[in-house]
Amino acid sequence: MDDAEATAQIFVKLIPMMAKDGITTLAQINEKGNLSPGIIKKLPTYHGIILAKNNVGRMNLYRL
């Protein structure tokens, strides 16, 4: 449930950003995200592990 809520909050913040780029429909979102496997493999990757000490820390991570 927490993951779904965090995802929804991110999406709500992305809507105005996409509107600035002229993206207003789901078809446009899908088209923008449609990359070939070759391009995806060339993108830089990032990895990180973040641990929470307790529930307060877990909630703070979700706020990030």
N, C-alpha and C. Protein backbone atom coordinates (compact mmCIF):
# COMPACT_ATOMS: atom_id res chain seq x y z
N MET A 1 0.82 -1.20 0.00
CA MET A 1 0.00 0.00 0.00
C MET A 1 0.86 1.25 0.00
N ASP A 2 1.95 1.24 0.77
CA ASP A 2 2.82 2.41 0.84
C ASP A 2 3.46 2.70 -0.52
N ASP A 3 3.86 1.65 -1.24
CA ASP A 3 4.47 1.83 -2.56
C ASP A 3 3.48 2.47 -3.54
N ALA A 4 2.25 2.03 -3.48
CA ALA A 4 1.24 2.58 -4.39
C ALA A 4 0.99 4.05 -4.08
N GLU A 5 0.97 4.39 -2.81
CA GLU A 5 0.77 5.79 -2.43
C GLU A 5 1.94 6.65 -2.89
N ALA A 6 3.15 6.17 -2.71
CA ALA A 6 4.33 6.92 -3.14
C ALA A 6 4.32 7.10 -4.67
N THR A 7 3.96 6.05 -5.40
CA THR A 7 3.89 6.13 -6.85
C THR A 7 2.85 7.16 -7.29
N ALA A 8 1.70 7.16 -6.63
CA ALA A 8 0.64 8.11 -6.97
C ALA A 8 1.10 9.54 -6.70
N GLN A 9 1.80 9.76 -5.61
CA GLN A 9 2.29 11.11 -5.29
C GLN A 9 3.30 11.58 -6.33
N ILE A 10 4.16 10.69 -6.77
CA ILE A 10 5.14 11.04 -7.82
C ILE A 10 4.40 11.40 -9.11
N PHE A 11 3.41 10.59 -9.48
CA PHE A 11 2.66 10.83 -10.71
C PHE A 11 1.95 12.18 -10.66
N VAL A 12 1.37 12.51 -9.52
CA VAL A 12 0.66 13.79 -9.37
C VAL A 12 1.64 14.95 -9.58
N LYS A 13 2.87 14.81 -9.12
CA LYS A 13 3.86 15.87 -9.31
C LYS A 13 4.38 15.92 -10.75
N LEU A 14 4.35 14.79 -11.43
CA LEU A 14 4.83 14.75 -12.81
C LEU A 14 3.84 15.35 -13.81
N ILE A 15 2.56 15.34 -13.48
CA ILE A 15 1.54 15.85 -14.41
C ILE A 15 1.83 17.28 -14.85
N PRO A 16 2.09 18.23 -13.94
CA PRO A 16 2.40 19.59 -14.40
C PRO A 16 3.69 19.66 -15.21
N MET A 17 4.67 18.84 -14.87
CA MET A 17 5.93 18.83 -15.62
C MET A 17 5.70 18.36 -17.05
N MET A 18 4.87 17.34 -17.21
CA MET A 18 4.57 16.83 -18.55
C MET A 18 3.76 17.84 -19.34
N ALA A 19 2.85 18.53 -18.67
CA ALA A 19 2.02 19.53 -19.35
C ALA A 19 2.88 20.65 -19.93
N LYS A 20 3.97 21.02 -19.22
CA LYS A 20 4.88 22.05 -19.73
C LYS A 20 5.53 21.61 -21.04
N ASP A 21 5.73 20.30 -21.21
CA ASP A 21 6.31 19.76 -22.43
C ASP A 21 5.26 19.45 -23.49
N GLY A 22 4.00 19.80 -23.22
CA GLY A 22 2.94 19.57 -24.18
C GLY A 22 2.38 18.16 -24.17
N ILE A 23 2.70 17.39 -23.14
CA ILE A 23 2.20 16.01 -23.03
C ILE A 23 0.93 16.04 -22.19
N THR A 24 -0.20 15.71 -22.84
CA THR A 24 -1.48 15.81 -22.15
C THR A 24 -2.32 14.53 -22.20
N THR A 25 -1.90 13.54 -22.98
CA THR A 25 -2.68 12.31 -23.08
C THR A 25 -1.81 11.10 -22.73
N LEU A 26 -2.48 10.00 -22.41
CA LEU A 26 -1.75 8.76 -22.11
C LEU A 26 -0.99 8.25 -23.32
N ALA A 27 -1.54 8.45 -24.50
CA ALA A 27 -0.84 8.02 -25.72
C ALA A 27 0.48 8.76 -25.86
N GLN A 28 0.49 10.05 -25.55
CA GLN A 28 1.73 10.83 -25.62
C GLN A 28 2.74 10.37 -24.58
N ILE A 29 2.26 10.03 -23.39
CA ILE A 29 3.14 9.51 -22.33
C ILE A 29 3.78 8.20 -22.79
N ASN A 30 2.96 7.32 -23.35
CA ASN A 30 3.48 6.03 -23.82
C ASN A 30 4.48 6.22 -24.96
N GLU A 31 4.19 7.14 -25.87
CA GLU A 31 5.09 7.40 -27.00
C GLU A 31 6.44 7.94 -26.50
N LYS A 32 6.38 8.83 -25.52
CA LYS A 32 7.60 9.43 -24.96
C LYS A 32 8.46 8.37 -24.26
N GLY A 33 7.82 7.41 -23.65
CA GLY A 33 8.55 6.38 -22.91
C GLY A 33 8.90 5.16 -23.73
N ASN A 34 8.56 5.16 -25.01
CA ASN A 34 8.81 4.00 -25.87
C ASN A 34 10.23 4.09 -26.44
N LEU A 35 11.19 3.46 -25.75
CA LEU A 35 12.58 3.46 -26.19
C LEU A 35 12.98 2.07 -26.64
N SER A 36 13.85 2.01 -27.59
CA SER A 36 14.33 0.71 -28.07
C SER A 36 15.24 0.08 -27.02
N PRO A 37 15.31 -1.24 -26.98
CA PRO A 37 16.20 -1.91 -26.01
C PRO A 37 17.65 -1.46 -26.13
N GLY A 38 18.11 -1.14 -27.34
CA GLY A 38 19.48 -0.68 -27.52
C GLY A 38 19.74 0.65 -26.82
N ILE A 39 18.77 1.55 -26.92
CA ILE A 39 18.91 2.86 -26.26
C ILE A 39 18.88 2.69 -24.75
N ILE A 40 18.00 1.83 -24.25
CA ILE A 40 17.89 1.61 -22.82
C ILE A 40 19.19 1.05 -22.26
N LYS A 41 19.83 0.14 -22.98
CA LYS A 41 21.09 -0.44 -22.52
C LYS A 41 22.20 0.60 -22.43
N LYS A 42 22.14 1.65 -23.23
CA LYS A 42 23.18 2.67 -23.25
C LYS A 42 22.98 3.74 -22.17
N LEU A 43 21.82 3.78 -21.56
CA LEU A 43 21.56 4.79 -20.54
C LEU A 43 22.40 4.51 -19.29
N PRO A 44 22.82 5.56 -18.57
CA PRO A 44 23.59 5.33 -17.34
C PRO A 44 22.71 4.68 -16.27
N THR A 45 23.32 3.87 -15.45
CA THR A 45 22.59 3.22 -14.37
C THR A 45 23.07 3.75 -13.03
N TYR A 46 22.19 3.73 -12.09
CA TYR A 46 22.48 4.19 -10.73
C TYR A 46 21.95 3.15 -9.76
N HIS A 47 22.69 2.95 -8.70
CA HIS A 47 22.28 1.97 -7.71
C HIS A 47 22.49 2.55 -6.33
N GLY A 48 21.58 2.31 -5.47
CA GLY A 48 21.74 2.77 -4.10
C GLY A 48 20.91 1.92 -3.17
N ILE A 49 21.41 1.75 -1.99
CA ILE A 49 20.68 1.03 -0.95
C ILE A 49 20.47 2.00 0.20
N ILE A 50 19.23 2.18 0.58
CA ILE A 50 18.90 3.06 1.69
C ILE A 50 18.15 2.23 2.72
N LEU A 51 18.64 2.26 3.94
CA LEU A 51 18.02 1.50 5.02
C LEU A 51 17.36 2.44 6.01
N ALA A 52 16.22 2.05 6.51
CA ALA A 52 15.52 2.83 7.53
C ALA A 52 15.70 2.14 8.88
N LYS A 53 15.98 2.93 9.90
CA LYS A 53 16.22 2.39 11.23
C LYS A 53 14.91 1.99 11.92
N ASN A 54 13.83 2.72 11.62
CA ASN A 54 12.54 2.46 12.26
C ASN A 54 11.43 2.99 11.36
N ASN A 55 10.19 2.95 11.85
CA ASN A 55 9.04 3.40 11.05
C ASN A 55 9.12 4.89 10.72
N VAL A 56 9.68 5.68 11.63
CA VAL A 56 9.82 7.10 11.35
C VAL A 56 10.76 7.30 10.17
N GLY A 57 11.88 6.58 10.17
CA GLY A 57 12.82 6.65 9.06
C GLY A 57 12.20 6.16 7.77
N ARG A 58 11.40 5.10 7.83
CA ARG A 58 10.72 4.59 6.64
C ARG A 58 9.78 5.64 6.07
N MET A 59 9.05 6.30 6.92
CA MET A 59 8.12 7.33 6.44
C MET A 59 8.89 8.52 5.85
N ASN A 60 10.02 8.86 6.44
CA ASN A 60 10.84 9.95 5.90
C ASN A 60 11.38 9.59 4.51
N LEU A 61 11.72 8.32 4.31
CA LEU A 61 12.18 7.88 2.99
C LEU A 61 11.09 8.05 1.95
N TYR A 62 9.86 7.74 2.34
CA TYR A 62 8.74 7.90 1.40
C TYR A 62 8.52 9.36 1.05
N ARG A 63 8.84 10.26 1.98
CA ARG A 63 8.66 11.69 1.73
C ARG A 63 9.69 12.22 0.75
N LEU A 64 10.82 11.51 0.62
CA LEU A 64 11.83 11.94 -0.34
C LEU A 64 11.28 11.84 -1.72
